[in-house]
Amino acid sequence: MDIENLRIGYVPISNTLDSPGDRRRFVAYAQARNLKFTLAIPEERYDLVVLSQMADISVWCDYPHGKVVYDFIDSYLAIPRTNIKQWLRGLVMYAIGRHRRFRFDYRATLQNMCSRADAVICSTKEQAGDIKPFCQNVHLILDVQKSIINRVKEDYSSGLPFNLVWEGLPINIWHLNQIQDVLKNIDKHRPLILNIVTDPERSRLLGRFGRIHSIDLARKVFNSVKLHIWDESTWSDIIRNCDLAVIPIDLSDSFAFGKPENKLLLFWRMGMPVITSATPAYLRAM
């Protein structure tokens, strides 16, 4: 049967399909192939189901119908079982309603999901190595970025202050601590502005409780911070008008250590010079 004639279900990151994890991955592919799909629920029968990492794997790991493709792009299997967050993650997922069934061992649930999947998508060689004991049909696929880059940096002159730029989710701002001392030392000799392109706030706890402002998080790292609200119509221009992009990563964090080179490639495609931490994926890309 041709894939165009299949009943395809997709479990998205956002039901509006406006999350970058939707738009830059399966949704972009489906649009390019002109594939029709519906938002999937476990009680329905599909010929093919594509699961994002927001899918309730406590349920989908037992899905009895059709083929399953699991888009498993983060390095959860690299986190030691003894890590306290990893140890509690299954309980938290159930408590906040992300998982319908209580499965205490989150790592085992991930392994079961990979075993059930007919194919698993990941984004680095390290992730593939962690997944293959549970599913041999593993494919490395990076984000589709073509639609979000429409211009390339042309002017590389710089003045005072020198403009650094960081882009990402508020939950990852803490990685800027890796360059805190460097920023302060350079700023003594040449004024710097650290431009942050992100959402204005995030939850304080478990993705839903309390709010904390991104600017407050960034200013714990460096005083001269300028916040730019992430908006697809403006974010590229903001970045290209800066002098240098930075991607600091805490290399002791096994989850962050295993991230793919998507952000580095995104900056390069804009013509941006970049300083980044030496993760395996970034070193391979360079």
Protein backbone atom coordinates (compact mmCIF):
# COMPACT_ATOMS: atom_id res chain seq x y z
CA MET A 1 0.00 0.00 0.00
CA ASP A 2 1.30 3.47 -0.90
CA ILE A 3 2.05 5.70 2.07
CA GLU A 4 -0.30 8.34 0.61
CA ASN A 5 -3.20 5.94 1.14
CA LEU A 6 -2.43 5.03 4.73
CA ARG A 7 -4.36 6.26 7.73
CA ILE A 8 -1.63 8.15 9.55
CA GLY A 9 -1.91 9.39 13.11
CA TYR A 10 0.47 11.84 14.73
CA VAL A 11 0.93 12.60 18.43
CA PRO A 12 2.28 16.16 18.42
CA ILE A 13 4.19 18.28 20.88
CA SER A 14 1.48 20.94 20.56
CA ASN A 15 -2.07 20.26 19.38
CA THR A 16 -1.87 23.48 17.35
CA LEU A 17 1.22 22.07 15.57
CA ASP A 18 3.03 25.37 16.13
CA SER A 19 5.82 23.99 18.31
CA PRO A 20 9.25 23.98 16.62
CA GLY A 21 9.43 20.27 17.40
CA ASP A 22 6.36 19.77 15.21
CA ARG A 23 7.03 22.30 12.45
CA ARG A 24 10.66 21.34 11.97
CA ARG A 25 10.18 17.59 12.05
CA PHE A 26 7.22 15.37 11.10
CA VAL A 27 4.87 18.18 10.11
CA ALA A 28 7.48 19.61 7.74
CA TYR A 29 7.99 16.17 6.20
CA ALA A 30 4.26 15.55 5.85
CA GLN A 31 3.77 18.90 4.13
CA ALA A 32 6.66 18.24 1.75
CA ARG A 33 5.22 14.82 0.86
CA ASN A 34 1.62 16.08 0.85
CA LEU A 35 0.69 13.44 3.43
CA LYS A 36 -2.61 13.66 5.23
CA PHE A 37 -2.62 12.85 8.93
CA THR A 38 -4.84 13.24 11.96
CA LEU A 39 -3.99 13.81 15.60
CA ALA A 40 -3.75 10.35 17.05
CA ILE A 41 -5.41 8.88 20.12
CA PRO A 42 -4.51 5.40 21.43
CA GLU A 43 -8.08 4.07 21.19
CA GLU A 44 -8.17 4.51 17.40
CA ARG A 45 -6.74 2.19 14.77
CA TYR A 46 -4.11 3.60 12.39
CA ASP A 47 -1.96 2.08 9.69
CA LEU A 48 0.91 4.22 10.88
CA VAL A 49 1.42 6.28 14.05
CA VAL A 50 4.21 8.82 14.48
CA LEU A 51 4.95 9.72 18.10
CA SER A 52 6.69 12.88 19.21
CA GLN A 53 8.42 12.94 22.58
CA MET A 54 5.29 14.46 24.13
CA ALA A 55 3.41 11.24 23.42
CA ASP A 56 2.12 9.28 26.40
CA ILE A 57 4.49 6.35 26.09
CA SER A 58 2.91 4.67 29.12
CA VAL A 59 0.01 3.90 26.76
CA TRP A 60 1.55 3.89 23.30
CA CYS A 61 4.18 1.30 24.24
CA ASP A 62 1.32 -1.23 24.29
CA TYR A 63 -0.40 -0.02 21.09
CA PRO A 64 -1.78 -3.17 19.39
CA HIS A 65 -2.38 -1.83 15.86
CA GLY A 66 -0.33 -0.78 12.87
CA LYS A 67 3.21 0.47 12.53
CA VAL A 68 4.73 2.88 15.08
CA VAL A 69 7.50 5.39 14.46
CA TYR A 70 8.93 6.97 17.63
CA ASP A 71 10.62 10.35 17.19
CA PHE A 72 12.93 10.01 20.20
CA ILE A 73 15.36 12.89 19.81
CA ASP A 74 16.52 13.59 23.37
CA SER A 75 19.15 11.72 25.35
CA TYR A 76 17.04 10.35 28.19
CA LEU A 77 18.65 6.92 27.88
CA ALA A 78 22.06 8.50 28.54
CA ILE A 79 20.95 9.69 31.98
CA PRO A 80 22.05 7.21 34.67
CA ARG A 81 19.25 5.31 36.36
CA THR A 82 20.62 6.56 39.69
CA ASN A 83 20.08 10.20 38.73
CA ILE A 84 17.41 11.54 41.11
CA LYS A 85 15.45 13.31 38.35
CA GLN A 86 15.53 10.19 36.20
CA TRP A 87 14.49 8.09 39.18
CA LEU A 88 11.46 10.31 39.90
CA ARG A 89 10.48 11.12 36.33
CA GLY A 90 7.94 8.30 35.97
CA LEU A 91 6.15 9.37 39.16
CA VAL A 92 6.16 13.02 38.07
CA MET A 93 4.83 12.20 34.58
CA TYR A 94 1.89 10.38 36.16
CA ALA A 95 1.28 13.02 38.84
CA ILE A 96 1.03 15.91 36.37
CA GLY A 97 -1.11 13.95 33.91
CA ARG A 98 1.45 13.49 31.16
CA HIS A 99 1.15 9.73 31.55
CA ARG A 100 -2.20 7.96 31.90
CA ARG A 101 -0.73 4.84 33.45
CA PHE A 102 1.59 4.81 36.43
CA ARG A 103 4.94 3.34 35.44
CA PHE A 104 7.50 4.21 38.07
CA ASP A 105 10.62 3.29 36.07
CA TYR A 106 10.68 5.93 33.32
CA ARG A 107 13.82 4.50 31.75
CA ALA A 108 12.18 1.08 31.42
CA THR A 109 9.14 2.73 29.84
CA LEU A 110 11.38 4.39 27.26
CA GLN A 111 13.02 1.07 26.53
CA ASN A 112 9.61 -0.59 26.14
CA MET A 113 8.53 2.16 23.76
CA CYS A 114 11.64 1.65 21.64
CA SER A 115 11.03 -2.11 21.63
CA ARG A 116 7.42 -1.63 20.49
CA ALA A 117 8.35 0.86 17.76
CA ASP A 118 8.88 -0.44 14.25
CA ALA A 119 11.34 2.42 13.72
CA VAL A 120 12.95 4.95 16.04
CA ILE A 121 14.19 8.35 14.94
CA CYS A 122 16.99 10.02 16.85
CA SER A 123 19.47 12.79 16.13
CA THR A 124 22.98 11.69 17.18
CA LYS A 125 25.18 8.61 16.93
CA GLU A 126 25.31 8.42 20.71
CA GLN A 127 21.52 8.27 20.95
CA ALA A 128 21.41 5.59 18.27
CA GLY A 129 23.86 3.50 20.28
CA ASP A 130 21.64 3.73 23.36
CA ILE A 131 18.51 2.81 21.38
CA LYS A 132 19.78 -0.10 19.26
CA PRO A 133 19.66 -2.70 22.05
CA PHE A 134 15.88 -2.22 21.97
CA CYS A 135 15.22 -1.41 18.28
CA GLN A 136 17.58 -2.09 15.42
CA ASN A 137 15.69 0.09 12.95
CA VAL A 138 17.11 3.46 14.03
CA HIS A 139 17.49 6.52 11.82
CA LEU A 140 19.32 9.81 12.44
CA ILE A 141 17.24 12.78 11.25
CA LEU A 142 17.97 16.43 12.03
CA ASP A 143 15.50 19.31 12.03
CA VAL A 144 14.13 20.78 8.81
CA GLN A 145 15.30 24.41 8.92
CA LYS A 146 14.87 25.70 5.39
CA SER A 147 11.54 27.46 5.94
CA ILE A 148 12.71 29.56 8.91
CA ILE A 149 15.81 31.12 7.32
CA ASN A 150 15.17 33.70 4.62
CA ARG A 151 18.26 35.91 4.83
CA VAL A 152 21.96 35.51 5.56
CA LYS A 153 24.23 37.81 7.56
CA GLU A 154 26.27 40.10 5.29
CA ASP A 155 27.73 42.81 7.54
CA TYR A 156 30.43 41.49 9.89
CA SER A 157 31.63 44.85 11.19
CA SER A 158 31.30 45.33 14.94
CA GLY A 159 31.41 48.25 17.31
CA LEU A 160 30.81 49.03 20.96
CA PRO A 161 29.15 47.44 22.74
CA PHE A 162 29.86 44.03 21.21
CA ASN A 163 26.63 42.06 20.81
CA LEU A 164 26.53 38.39 21.76
CA VAL A 165 23.36 36.40 21.13
CA TRP A 166 21.93 33.23 22.66
CA GLU A 167 18.71 31.57 21.44
CA GLY A 168 16.74 28.79 23.06
CA LEU A 169 14.12 27.75 25.57
CA PRO A 170 14.06 29.49 28.97
CA ILE A 171 14.67 26.17 30.70
CA ASN A 172 18.14 26.10 29.11
CA ILE A 173 19.26 29.60 30.14
CA TRP A 174 21.16 28.08 33.06
CA HIS A 175 23.79 26.81 30.60
CA LEU A 176 24.97 30.42 30.27
CA ASN A 177 26.60 29.92 33.67
CA GLN A 178 29.37 28.16 31.75
CA ILE A 179 30.55 31.51 30.35
CA GLN A 180 29.66 33.78 33.27
CA ASP A 181 33.25 34.48 34.35
CA VAL A 182 34.40 34.98 30.75
CA LEU A 183 31.66 37.52 30.05
CA LYS A 184 32.49 39.51 33.16
CA ASN A 185 36.22 39.52 32.40
CA ILE A 186 35.79 40.60 28.77
CA ASP A 187 33.28 43.25 29.76
CA LYS A 188 35.99 44.97 31.83
CA HIS A 189 37.93 45.70 28.63
CA ARG A 190 35.25 45.81 25.94
CA PRO A 191 31.58 46.40 26.76
CA LEU A 192 29.28 43.50 25.96
CA ILE A 193 25.54 43.03 25.60
CA LEU A 194 24.15 39.53 25.91
CA ASN A 195 21.05 39.30 23.72
CA ILE A 196 18.63 36.53 24.72
CA VAL A 197 16.07 35.33 22.17
CA THR A 198 13.56 33.23 24.04
CA ASP A 199 10.09 33.08 25.57
CA PRO A 200 9.48 35.75 28.24
CA GLU A 201 8.87 33.27 31.06
CA ARG A 202 8.64 29.62 32.00
CA SER A 203 7.06 27.56 34.71
CA ARG A 204 8.93 27.38 37.98
CA LEU A 205 8.10 23.74 38.72
CA LEU A 206 7.12 20.63 36.73
CA GLY A 207 6.13 22.54 33.62
CA ARG A 208 2.99 24.08 35.10
CA PHE A 209 3.42 25.54 38.60
CA GLY A 210 4.49 29.14 39.19
CA ARG A 211 6.21 31.45 36.73
CA ILE A 212 9.75 32.75 36.46
CA HIS A 213 10.88 35.48 34.05
CA SER A 214 13.63 34.73 31.53
CA ILE A 215 15.26 38.11 32.02
CA ASP A 216 15.68 37.38 35.74
CA LEU A 217 17.35 34.06 34.95
CA ALA A 218 19.72 35.69 32.46
CA ARG A 219 20.69 38.54 34.76
CA LYS A 220 21.87 36.06 37.34
CA VAL A 221 24.59 35.32 34.78
CA PHE A 222 25.38 38.78 33.40
CA ASN A 223 24.04 42.26 34.06
CA SER A 224 24.02 43.66 30.51
CA VAL A 225 21.25 41.53 29.10
CA LYS A 226 18.68 42.42 26.46
CA LEU A 227 15.64 40.16 26.13
CA HIS A 228 14.02 39.60 22.74
CA ILE A 229 10.74 37.69 22.67
CA TRP A 230 11.01 34.70 20.33
CA ASP A 231 8.83 35.34 17.30
CA GLU A 232 9.25 33.59 13.96
CA SER A 233 8.81 36.87 12.04
CA THR A 234 11.64 38.68 13.87
CA TRP A 235 14.01 36.23 15.56
CA SER A 236 16.25 35.68 12.53
CA ASP A 237 16.79 39.41 12.01
CA ILE A 238 17.62 39.88 15.69
CA ILE A 239 20.26 37.15 15.58
CA ARG A 240 21.85 38.32 12.31
CA ASN A 241 22.16 41.86 13.66
CA CYS A 242 24.33 40.60 16.51
CA ASP A 243 28.07 40.01 16.23
CA LEU A 244 28.57 36.52 17.61
CA ALA A 245 26.34 33.61 18.64
CA VAL A 246 27.15 31.50 21.71
CA ILE A 247 26.00 27.98 22.59
CA PRO A 248 27.46 27.17 26.01
CA ILE A 249 26.64 23.70 27.30
CA ASP A 250 27.43 22.10 30.64
CA LEU A 251 29.39 19.06 29.46
CA SER A 252 28.84 17.31 32.79
CA ASP A 253 25.11 17.14 32.04
CA SER A 254 24.61 13.86 30.16
CA PHE A 255 21.26 14.99 28.73
CA ALA A 256 22.67 18.23 27.27
CA PHE A 257 25.93 16.53 26.27
CA GLY A 258 24.00 14.31 23.87
CA LYS A 259 22.14 17.06 22.03
CA PRO A 260 22.42 17.19 18.21
CA GLU A 261 23.92 19.95 16.10
CA ASN A 262 20.60 21.52 15.06
CA LYS A 263 21.23 24.90 16.70
CA LEU A 264 24.79 25.15 15.39
CA LEU A 265 23.57 24.43 11.85
CA LEU A 266 20.79 26.97 12.28
CA PHE A 267 23.28 29.71 13.15
CA TRP A 268 25.63 28.69 10.34
CA ARG A 269 22.81 28.82 7.81
CA MET A 270 22.25 32.43 8.87
CA GLY A 271 25.93 33.14 8.30
CA MET A 272 26.54 33.64 12.02
CA PRO A 273 29.93 33.03 13.62
CA VAL A 274 29.51 30.80 16.66
CA ILE A 275 31.40 29.84 19.81
CA THR A 276 30.12 26.63 21.35
CA SER A 277 31.01 23.93 23.81
CA ALA A 278 32.71 20.83 22.43
CA THR A 279 29.92 18.25 22.45
CA PRO A 280 30.42 15.15 20.25
CA ALA A 281 27.76 16.29 17.76
CA TYR A 282 29.19 19.80 17.47
CA LEU A 283 32.72 18.51 17.01
CA ARG A 284 31.58 16.18 14.23
CA ALA A 285 29.70 18.99 12.51
CA MET A 286 32.72 21.31 12.69
